[in-house]
């Protein structure tokens, strides 16, 4: 799919973040190509919505098979385009295939007509019907997983899917399109939109597009939601977060530290659901901090193809610059630097594992989403103060709560203003569990039965029998 046009204003550019080397350029589609994409997707949707569920499921199972057969190539592509370690890339491919299996196994029952009891002899049921072509604006940090967790429920329920992927992972986008073709989906049902923002706005407004889902920044979500609202179309937004990792005084500190390291530094810290603010009760703060810094210091950053490395590069140079600016502003506001805090010299977008202490509300690392390998530690006076600090955020995606008293933690969880709470664990995604946020982390839910029904028309059918 690489094109010869080298004008950056008219191309998506894929560049290896570990070396800086150009991988490929992908020319933006022109207006005629976009029109053909929309028409082909609409035609494929009309065919697909009439396809029996059993055939849809069989097609999805072939997609999982195709992903497993091509797993090593897909993992290598992920690592090359966005810098994920090769082990994590392989795990992402496996997770995609497993999620497709779950959707194929459970989707038909979740999407089946649902009977409703009413008084008398009337017969009532709710049908979950497709609504049309769905535009999905997806991020680069999980180039395949983010797509599958959106496309699986959307397409199994009978809709068309138009992918607007991040420009730096267009290789992954076209790989996904190819896999859907191999699996036997109708031509054009899974479509790649490679275009600039003005074209995306035009597509949102197009009557052939029924709804929009976006995972990305708060700024992007606000813009897309405004366009969708103006066109009276549904939108689903997952806008990231500043997840709190709360460690109470009775927690197992060693287990909490081990989980905290993975929760913050997985994927070089480039995870929406990653723990970012570590809020620790005062009585154990010194021990937790000492052990956390020692563990972070042992992390090895380098070539993501080298299995001995824990962290690869950040996906883009501008993202590394932004993260470093957040670190500097946090230090300027009075925080302490315990580890890292600098770009790593040499080729690629590497940033040193960083730990900041004495972080308080009003500082960048507390208030903003830090999308990179930077951990912010905040000390709470007691458990009540810890929960107050956790909720002191514009975001509300996920959160962790560490304590030996699970019953107490379950009560506390109801007070946490997040879409998910993980007790003695850290935020993760699973096909069976809904994922999404509150406050400025967005709205709507993906995965589980919520996700399978999110882009359907819950049509009530009420039949009265007359003689």
Protein backbone atom coordinates (compact mmCIF):
# COMPACT_ATOMS: atom_id res chain seq x y z
CA UNK A 1 0.00 0.00 0.00
CA UNK A 2 3.01 2.33 0.01
CA UNK A 3 2.63 5.26 -2.33
CA UNK A 4 5.17 7.45 -4.14
CA UNK A 5 3.62 10.79 -3.14
CA UNK A 6 5.91 12.21 -0.43
CA UNK A 7 3.99 15.37 0.47
CA UNK A 8 3.36 14.93 4.22
CA UNK A 9 0.18 17.03 4.00
CA UNK A 10 -1.42 14.38 1.76
CA UNK A 11 -0.02 11.20 3.28
CA UNK A 12 -0.18 9.03 6.35
CA UNK A 13 3.39 8.22 7.34
CA UNK A 14 4.56 5.08 9.11
CA UNK A 15 7.99 5.43 10.73
CA UNK A 16 9.83 2.99 13.00
CA UNK A 17 9.91 4.70 16.43
CA UNK A 18 12.92 2.68 17.56
CA UNK A 19 15.14 3.79 14.66
CA UNK A 20 13.41 6.76 13.05
CA UNK A 21 13.47 4.97 9.69
CA UNK A 22 10.63 5.47 7.23
CA UNK A 23 8.54 2.33 6.77
CA UNK A 24 5.94 3.54 4.26
CA UNK A 25 3.73 6.39 3.18
CA UNK A 26 0.05 5.99 2.37
CA UNK A 27 -1.57 8.56 0.12
CA UNK A 28 -4.80 10.04 1.44
CA UNK A 29 -7.86 8.98 -0.53
CA UNK A 30 -9.22 11.59 -2.92
CA UNK A 31 -12.90 12.64 -2.92
CA UNK A 32 -13.85 10.10 -5.59
CA UNK A 33 -12.19 7.29 -3.61
CA UNK A 34 -13.95 8.35 -0.42
CA UNK A 35 -17.29 8.42 -2.22
CA UNK A 36 -16.70 4.94 -3.59
CA UNK A 37 -15.71 3.70 -0.11
CA UNK A 38 -18.92 5.04 1.42
CA UNK A 39 -21.11 3.60 -1.31
CA UNK A 40 -19.40 0.22 -1.23
CA UNK A 41 -19.68 0.06 2.56
CA UNK A 42 -23.37 0.97 2.46
CA UNK A 43 -24.02 -1.71 -0.18
CA UNK A 44 -22.07 -4.31 1.80
CA UNK A 45 -24.02 -3.37 4.94
CA UNK A 46 -27.34 -4.03 3.20
CA UNK A 47 -26.08 -7.47 2.19
CA UNK A 48 -24.55 -8.22 5.58
CA UNK A 49 -27.56 -7.25 7.67
CA UNK A 50 -29.60 -9.80 5.69
CA UNK A 51 -27.00 -12.52 6.28
CA UNK A 52 -28.15 -15.16 8.81
CA UNK A 53 -26.40 -14.98 12.16
CA UNK A 54 -24.92 -18.45 11.73
CA UNK A 55 -23.11 -17.29 8.58
CA UNK A 56 -21.85 -14.15 10.30
CA UNK A 57 -20.47 -16.27 13.14
CA UNK A 58 -18.75 -18.66 10.75
CA UNK A 59 -17.13 -15.71 8.98
CA UNK A 60 -15.89 -14.37 12.30
CA UNK A 61 -14.37 -17.70 13.24
CA UNK A 62 -12.43 -17.64 9.98
CA UNK A 63 -11.12 -14.19 10.94
CA UNK A 64 -9.74 -15.58 14.21
CA UNK A 65 -8.13 -18.43 12.29
CA UNK A 66 -6.57 -15.99 9.81
CA UNK A 67 -5.12 -13.89 12.63
CA UNK A 68 -3.59 -16.91 14.33
CA UNK A 69 -2.07 -18.13 11.08
CA UNK A 70 -0.50 -14.72 10.44
CA UNK A 71 0.32 -14.00 14.08
CA UNK A 72 4.08 -13.57 13.76
CA UNK A 73 3.83 -11.18 10.82
CA UNK A 74 1.16 -9.16 12.59
CA UNK A 75 3.23 -8.95 15.78
CA UNK A 76 6.27 -7.80 13.81
CA UNK A 77 4.19 -5.13 12.10
CA UNK A 78 2.91 -3.80 15.44
CA UNK A 79 6.44 -3.61 16.83
CA UNK A 80 7.80 -1.93 13.71
CA UNK A 81 5.06 0.70 13.50
CA UNK A 82 4.55 1.74 17.13
CA UNK A 83 7.40 0.24 19.14
CA UNK A 84 5.59 -2.29 21.33
CA UNK A 85 7.90 -5.02 22.61
CA UNK A 86 7.64 -8.15 20.50
CA UNK A 87 6.29 -10.22 23.42
CA UNK A 88 3.53 -7.67 24.02
CA UNK A 89 2.79 -7.53 20.29
CA UNK A 90 2.36 -11.30 20.14
CA UNK A 91 0.08 -11.12 23.18
CA UNK A 92 -2.02 -8.45 21.46
CA UNK A 93 -2.59 -10.66 18.42
CA UNK A 94 -3.53 -13.61 20.63
CA UNK A 95 -5.94 -11.44 22.62
CA UNK A 96 -7.64 -10.30 19.42
CA UNK A 97 -8.21 -13.86 18.25
CA UNK A 98 -9.48 -14.95 21.68
CA UNK A 99 -11.90 -12.02 21.79
CA UNK A 100 -13.27 -12.92 18.36
CA UNK A 101 -13.84 -16.46 19.69
CA UNK A 102 -15.80 -15.08 22.66
CA UNK A 103 -17.89 -12.82 20.44
CA UNK A 104 -18.65 -15.70 18.08
CA UNK A 105 -19.55 -18.00 21.00
CA UNK A 106 -21.72 -15.53 22.92
CA UNK A 107 -22.86 -12.89 20.44
CA UNK A 108 -25.80 -14.80 18.94
CA UNK A 109 -27.49 -15.27 22.33
CA UNK A 110 -26.84 -11.66 23.39
CA UNK A 111 -28.23 -10.33 20.11
CA UNK A 112 -31.21 -12.72 19.96
CA UNK A 113 -34.74 -11.44 20.35
CA UNK A 114 -35.49 -10.88 24.02
CA UNK A 115 -39.04 -11.73 25.20
CA UNK A 116 -40.77 -9.34 27.59
CA UNK A 117 -43.67 -10.30 29.85
CA UNK A 118 -46.68 -7.99 29.89
CA UNK A 119 -50.22 -8.28 31.21
CA UNK A 120 -52.72 -10.25 29.16
CA UNK A 121 -52.05 -12.39 26.11
CA UNK A 122 -49.99 -9.84 24.20
CA UNK A 123 -46.60 -10.98 22.93
CA UNK A 124 -43.71 -8.57 23.27
CA UNK A 125 -40.06 -8.89 22.39
CA UNK A 126 -37.06 -6.61 21.86
CA UNK A 127 -34.98 -7.11 18.72
CA UNK A 128 -31.39 -5.86 18.52
CA UNK A 129 -31.09 -4.71 14.92
CA UNK A 130 -28.17 -3.15 13.02
CA UNK A 131 -28.28 0.56 12.31
CA UNK A 132 -25.89 1.05 9.36
CA UNK A 133 -22.30 1.99 8.68
CA UNK A 134 -20.26 2.91 11.79
CA UNK A 135 -17.19 5.15 11.56
CA UNK A 136 -14.47 4.11 14.02
CA UNK A 137 -11.66 6.57 14.78
CA UNK A 138 -8.99 4.43 16.41
CA UNK A 139 -5.65 5.11 18.19
CA UNK A 140 -2.16 3.77 17.55
CA UNK A 141 -1.25 2.29 20.94
CA UNK A 142 -3.01 -1.06 20.34
CA UNK A 143 -3.17 -1.10 16.55
CA UNK A 144 -5.10 -4.38 16.26
CA UNK A 145 -6.80 -4.77 19.65
CA UNK A 146 -8.53 -1.38 19.57
CA UNK A 147 -9.91 -2.23 16.14
CA UNK A 148 -11.13 -5.72 17.04
CA UNK A 149 -12.82 -4.68 20.27
CA UNK A 150 -14.80 -2.12 18.25
CA UNK A 151 -15.32 -3.97 14.97
CA UNK A 152 -16.25 -7.35 16.45
CA UNK A 153 -19.48 -6.30 18.18
CA UNK A 154 -20.31 -3.71 15.52
CA UNK A 155 -20.03 -6.14 12.61
CA UNK A 156 -21.44 -9.26 14.26
CA UNK A 157 -24.58 -7.26 15.05
CA UNK A 158 -24.93 -6.62 11.31
CA UNK A 159 -23.40 -3.18 10.79
CA UNK A 160 -20.79 -1.95 8.35
CA UNK A 161 -17.43 -0.78 9.68
CA UNK A 162 -15.33 2.14 8.42
CA UNK A 163 -11.93 2.38 10.09
CA UNK A 164 -10.13 5.72 10.39
CA UNK A 165 -6.91 4.54 11.98
CA UNK A 166 -4.05 6.65 13.35
CA UNK A 167 -1.75 7.78 10.50
CA UNK A 168 1.37 6.15 11.98
CA UNK A 169 -0.15 2.62 11.99
CA UNK A 170 -1.75 2.48 8.56
CA UNK A 171 0.14 -0.73 7.85
CA UNK A 172 -1.86 -2.36 10.65
CA UNK A 173 -5.07 -0.87 9.25
CA UNK A 174 -4.51 -2.39 5.82
CA UNK A 175 -3.45 -5.68 7.38
CA UNK A 176 -6.80 -5.79 9.19
CA UNK A 177 -8.64 -5.07 5.95
CA UNK A 178 -6.77 -7.90 4.23
CA UNK A 179 -7.61 -10.34 7.04
CA UNK A 180 -11.32 -9.51 6.76
CA UNK A 181 -11.15 -10.16 3.03
CA UNK A 182 -9.45 -13.52 3.65
CA UNK A 183 -12.16 -14.44 6.17
CA UNK A 184 -14.85 -13.86 3.54
CA UNK A 185 -16.67 -10.74 4.72
CA UNK A 186 -18.57 -8.95 1.93
CA UNK A 187 -16.28 -6.72 -0.10
CA UNK A 188 -16.24 -3.21 1.34
CA UNK A 189 -17.88 -4.12 4.68
CA UNK A 190 -14.60 -3.48 6.52
CA UNK A 191 -13.22 -0.32 4.90
CA UNK A 192 -10.13 1.79 5.59
CA UNK A 193 -10.57 5.54 5.46
CA UNK A 194 -7.16 7.17 5.04
CA UNK A 195 -7.89 10.89 5.02
CA UNK A 196 -7.36 14.28 6.63
CA UNK A 197 -9.57 15.81 9.32
CA UNK A 198 -11.73 17.77 6.88
CA UNK A 199 -12.58 14.57 5.04
CA UNK A 200 -13.37 12.79 8.31
CA UNK A 201 -15.76 15.62 9.19
CA UNK A 202 -17.43 15.18 5.79
CA UNK A 203 -17.80 11.43 6.41
CA UNK A 204 -19.34 12.01 9.84
CA UNK A 205 -21.94 14.24 8.22
CA UNK A 206 -22.67 11.81 5.38
CA UNK A 207 -26.17 10.25 5.68
CA UNK A 208 -24.75 6.79 4.93
CA UNK A 209 -22.87 6.87 8.24
CA UNK A 210 -25.13 6.02 11.17
CA UNK A 211 -22.86 6.53 14.19
CA UNK A 212 -19.30 7.16 15.32
CA UNK A 213 -17.01 5.54 17.88
CA UNK A 214 -13.70 7.10 18.89
CA UNK A 215 -10.85 6.17 21.17
CA UNK A 216 -8.39 9.01 21.55
CA UNK A 217 -7.66 12.33 23.19
CA UNK A 218 -10.12 14.58 24.95
CA UNK A 219 -9.59 17.18 22.23
CA UNK A 220 -10.34 14.72 19.42
CA UNK A 221 -13.35 13.37 21.27
CA UNK A 222 -14.79 16.82 21.80
CA UNK A 223 -14.43 17.64 18.11
CA UNK A 224 -15.98 14.37 16.92
CA UNK A 225 -18.82 14.52 19.47
CA UNK A 226 -19.66 18.05 18.32
CA UNK A 227 -19.80 16.94 14.68
CA UNK A 228 -21.86 13.88 15.53
CA UNK A 229 -24.24 15.91 17.67
CA UNK A 230 -24.75 18.45 14.92
CA UNK A 231 -25.64 15.60 12.56
CA UNK A 232 -27.91 13.99 15.22
CA UNK A 233 -25.84 10.82 15.30
CA UNK A 234 -24.88 8.61 18.19
CA UNK A 235 -21.27 8.63 19.34
CA UNK A 236 -19.23 6.49 21.73
CA UNK A 237 -16.09 8.03 23.23
CA UNK A 238 -13.21 6.46 25.16
CA UNK A 239 -10.89 9.35 25.94
CA UNK A 240 -8.25 7.97 28.22
CA UNK A 241 -7.60 8.86 31.79
CA UNK A 242 -5.35 9.57 34.73
CA UNK A 243 -6.12 6.34 36.57
CA UNK A 244 -5.40 6.23 40.28
CA UNK A 245 -3.58 3.27 41.84
CA UNK A 246 -4.60 3.53 45.51
CA UNK A 247 -2.54 1.62 48.08
CA UNK A 248 -4.07 1.48 51.56
CA UNK A 249 -2.10 0.84 54.73
CA UNK A 250 -3.10 -2.82 55.03
CA UNK A 251 -2.08 -3.74 51.47
CA UNK A 252 0.51 -6.37 50.59
CA UNK A 253 3.20 -3.89 49.56
CA UNK A 254 5.36 -6.32 47.60
CA UNK A 255 2.44 -7.48 45.47
CA UNK A 256 1.24 -3.91 45.04
CA UNK A 257 4.66 -2.75 43.85
CA UNK A 258 4.97 -5.62 41.38
CA UNK A 259 1.56 -4.84 39.92
CA UNK A 260 2.21 -1.09 39.97
CA UNK A 261 5.31 -1.48 37.80
CA UNK A 262 3.42 -3.45 35.17
CA UNK A 263 0.37 -1.20 35.44
CA UNK A 264 2.44 1.92 34.73
CA UNK A 265 5.18 0.79 32.38
CA UNK A 266 3.45 -1.72 30.11
CA UNK A 267 3.55 -0.57 26.47
CA UNK A 268 6.01 2.13 27.58
CA UNK A 269 3.20 3.70 29.60
CA UNK A 270 1.10 4.31 26.49
CA UNK A 271 -2.16 2.78 27.71
CA UNK A 272 -5.42 4.61 28.37
CA UNK A 273 -6.20 2.30 31.30
CA UNK A 274 -2.66 2.41 32.71
CA UNK A 275 -2.16 3.43 36.31
CA UNK A 276 -0.73 6.95 36.27
CA UNK A 277 -1.27 8.42 39.75
CA UNK A 278 -0.01 6.30 42.66
CA UNK A 279 -1.83 7.41 45.80
CA UNK A 280 -0.36 5.78 48.90
CA UNK A 281 -1.34 6.04 52.56
CA UNK A 282 1.24 7.96 54.59
CA UNK A 283 2.13 5.11 56.97
CA UNK A 284 3.44 2.91 54.12
CA UNK A 285 4.45 5.58 51.60
CA UNK A 286 8.19 5.44 52.29
CA UNK A 287 8.40 1.65 51.94
CA UNK A 288 6.22 1.58 48.81
CA UNK A 289 8.21 4.39 47.18
CA UNK A 290 11.60 2.80 47.94
CA UNK A 291 10.55 -0.55 46.49
CA UNK A 292 8.79 1.02 43.51
CA UNK A 293 11.84 3.09 42.55
CA UNK A 294 14.12 0.06 42.88
CA UNK A 295 11.85 -1.99 40.63
CA UNK A 296 11.54 0.81 38.07
CA UNK A 297 15.32 1.21 38.05
CA UNK A 298 15.68 -2.44 37.03
CA UNK A 299 13.57 -1.97 33.89
CA UNK A 300 15.52 -2.21 30.67
CA UNK A 301 14.72 0.11 27.77
CA UNK A 302 15.84 -0.64 24.23
CA UNK A 303 15.17 -2.42 20.95
CA UNK A 304 11.60 -3.80 21.22
CA UNK A 305 12.61 -6.84 19.16
CA UNK A 306 15.06 -7.84 21.92
CA UNK A 307 13.10 -9.99 24.36
CA UNK A 308 15.36 -8.92 27.23
CA UNK A 309 14.03 -5.34 27.09
CA UNK A 310 10.99 -4.32 29.14
CA UNK A 311 10.30 -1.00 27.42
CA UNK A 312 10.41 0.01 23.80
CA UNK A 313 10.30 3.56 22.41
CA UNK A 314 7.41 5.96 22.55
CA UNK A 315 5.40 5.89 19.35
CA UNK A 316 6.28 9.38 18.06
CA UNK A 317 8.80 12.10 18.77
CA UNK A 318 6.14 14.75 19.39
CA UNK A 319 4.56 12.54 22.05
CA UNK A 320 7.93 12.18 23.79
CA UNK A 321 8.39 15.96 23.69
CA UNK A 322 4.94 16.49 25.21
CA UNK A 323 5.62 13.98 27.99
CA UNK A 324 8.95 15.60 28.83
CA UNK A 325 7.22 18.96 29.01
CA UNK A 326 4.74 17.53 31.52
CA UNK A 327 7.60 16.19 33.64
CA UNK A 328 9.39 19.54 33.61
CA UNK A 329 6.25 21.46 34.53
CA UNK A 330 5.58 19.05 37.38
CA UNK A 331 9.11 19.48 38.74
CA UNK A 332 8.88 23.25 38.34
CA UNK A 333 5.71 23.14 40.47
CA UNK A 334 7.57 21.49 43.37
CA UNK A 335 7.58 17.74 42.75
CA UNK A 336 10.70 15.63 43.36
CA UNK A 337 12.50 13.58 40.73
CA UNK A 338 13.41 10.12 42.04
CA UNK A 339 14.31 8.43 38.76
CA UNK A 340 14.72 9.26 35.07
CA UNK A 341 13.11 12.43 33.82
CA UNK A 342 14.98 12.64 30.53
CA UNK A 343 14.99 11.60 26.89
CA UNK A 344 17.44 8.85 26.02
CA UNK A 345 20.08 9.99 23.54
CA UNK A 346 20.42 8.26 20.19
CA UNK A 347 18.03 7.20 17.46
CA UNK A 348 14.41 6.50 18.25
CA UNK A 349 11.89 7.98 20.67
CA UNK A 350 13.10 6.41 23.91
CA UNK A 351 12.31 7.98 27.29
CA UNK A 352 13.81 6.86 30.59
CA UNK A 353 11.51 5.21 33.15
CA UNK A 354 10.61 8.10 35.43
CA UNK A 355 9.30 8.35 38.99
CA UNK A 356 8.07 11.64 40.44
CA UNK A 357 7.28 12.09 44.15
CA UNK A 358 5.52 14.81 46.15
CA UNK A 359 3.02 15.17 43.31
CA UNK A 360 -0.10 17.12 44.26
CA UNK A 361 -3.31 18.31 42.64
CA UNK A 362 -2.59 21.26 40.38
CA UNK A 363 0.58 19.70 38.99
CA UNK A 364 0.71 18.45 35.41
CA UNK A 365 1.46 14.83 36.33
CA UNK A 366 -1.56 14.76 38.64
CA UNK A 367 -4.10 16.69 36.57
CA UNK A 368 -3.20 15.59 33.04
CA UNK A 369 -2.93 12.25 31.30
CA UNK A 370 0.75 11.32 31.10
CA UNK A 371 0.97 8.97 28.13
CA UNK A 372 4.41 7.49 28.62
CA UNK A 373 6.73 5.83 31.17
CA UNK A 374 6.20 8.34 33.99
CA UNK A 375 4.81 7.47 37.43
CA UNK A 376 3.54 10.12 39.86
CA UNK A 377 3.45 9.29 43.59
CA UNK A 378 1.14 11.19 45.93
CA UNK A 379 0.93 10.62 49.70
CA UNK A 380 -2.49 10.48 51.37
CA UNK A 381 -3.04 11.14 55.06
CA UNK A 382 -5.47 8.21 55.39
CA UNK A 383 -7.87 6.07 53.38
CA UNK A 384 -10.51 8.78 53.22
CA UNK A 385 -8.00 11.26 51.86
CA UNK A 386 -6.78 8.67 49.35
CA UNK A 387 -10.25 8.25 47.86
CA UNK A 388 -10.70 12.02 47.79
CA UNK A 389 -7.44 12.37 45.85
CA UNK A 390 -8.39 9.56 43.48
CA UNK A 391 -11.62 11.38 42.61
CA UNK A 392 -9.83 14.71 42.20
CA UNK A 393 -9.57 14.34 38.45
CA UNK A 394 -11.37 15.39 35.30
CA UNK A 395 -10.97 11.80 34.14
CA UNK A 396 -12.84 8.68 35.23
CA UNK A 397 -11.78 5.65 33.23
CA UNK A 398 -10.39 3.05 35.64
CA UNK A 399 -8.75 2.70 39.00
CA UNK A 400 -7.00 0.24 41.31
CA UNK A 401 -7.52 -0.29 45.01
CA UNK A 402 -5.04 -2.32 47.09
CA UNK A 403 -6.00 -3.63 50.53
CA UNK A 404 -6.26 -6.91 52.41
CA UNK A 405 -9.91 -6.17 53.26
CA UNK A 406 -11.77 -6.97 50.05
CA UNK A 407 -15.21 -6.41 51.57
CA UNK A 408 -14.16 -2.90 52.60
CA UNK A 409 -12.68 -2.33 49.16
CA UNK A 410 -15.95 -3.31 47.49
CA UNK A 411 -17.73 -0.66 49.55
CA UNK A 412 -15.08 1.92 48.70
CA UNK A 413 -15.31 1.02 45.00
CA UNK A 414 -18.86 2.41 44.85
CA UNK A 415 -17.44 5.81 45.81
CA UNK A 416 -14.78 5.84 43.09
CA UNK A 417 -15.83 7.94 40.10
CA UNK A 418 -14.59 5.61 37.38
CA UNK A 419 -15.93 3.21 34.78
CA UNK A 420 -14.06 0.34 36.41
CA UNK A 421 -12.43 -0.50 39.74
CA UNK A 422 -9.85 -3.29 40.11
CA UNK A 423 -9.29 -4.55 43.65
CA UNK A 424 -5.80 -5.97 44.23
CA UNK A 425 -5.23 -5.86 40.50
CA UNK A 426 -4.74 -3.25 37.82
CA UNK A 427 -7.03 -2.11 35.00
CA UNK A 428 -7.25 -4.50 32.10
CA UNK A 429 -9.70 -5.37 29.35
CA UNK A 430 -11.56 -8.63 28.88
CA UNK A 431 -14.20 -9.55 26.31
CA UNK A 432 -16.64 -10.38 29.12
CA UNK A 433 -16.32 -7.08 30.99
CA UNK A 434 -17.54 -3.65 29.80
CA UNK A 435 -14.92 -0.94 29.35
CA UNK A 436 -15.56 2.78 29.25
CA UNK A 437 -15.43 5.89 31.37
CA UNK A 438 -17.27 8.71 33.06
CA UNK A 439 -16.56 12.42 33.34
CA UNK A 440 -14.10 13.51 30.62
CA UNK A 441 -13.02 9.94 29.95
CA UNK A 442 -16.02 9.65 27.66
CA UNK A 443 -19.28 7.71 27.50
CA UNK A 444 -20.67 4.45 26.20
CA UNK A 445 -19.29 0.95 26.68
CA UNK A 446 -17.32 -1.51 24.61
CA UNK A 447 -17.03 -5.30 25.09
CA UNK A 448 -19.40 -7.63 26.98
CA UNK A 449 -23.13 -7.60 26.22
CA UNK A 450 -23.10 -3.82 26.53
CA UNK A 451 -20.70 -3.52 23.61
CA UNK A 452 -22.55 -6.04 21.46
CA UNK A 453 -25.74 -4.00 21.79
CA UNK A 454 -24.17 -0.51 21.78
CA UNK A 455 -24.71 0.10 18.06
CA UNK A 456 -28.05 -1.61 17.61
CA UNK A 457 -31.63 -0.47 17.42
CA UNK A 458 -33.41 -1.95 20.44
CA UNK A 459 -36.68 -2.36 18.59
CA UNK A 460 -39.74 -3.16 20.70
CA UNK A 461 -42.29 -5.39 18.94
CA UNK A 462 -45.68 -5.59 20.68
CA UNK A 463 -48.24 -7.96 19.19
CA UNK A 464 -51.92 -7.89 20.17
CA UNK A 465 -54.11 -10.76 19.03
CA UNK A 466 -57.57 -9.89 17.79
CA UNK A 467 -60.37 -12.28 16.86
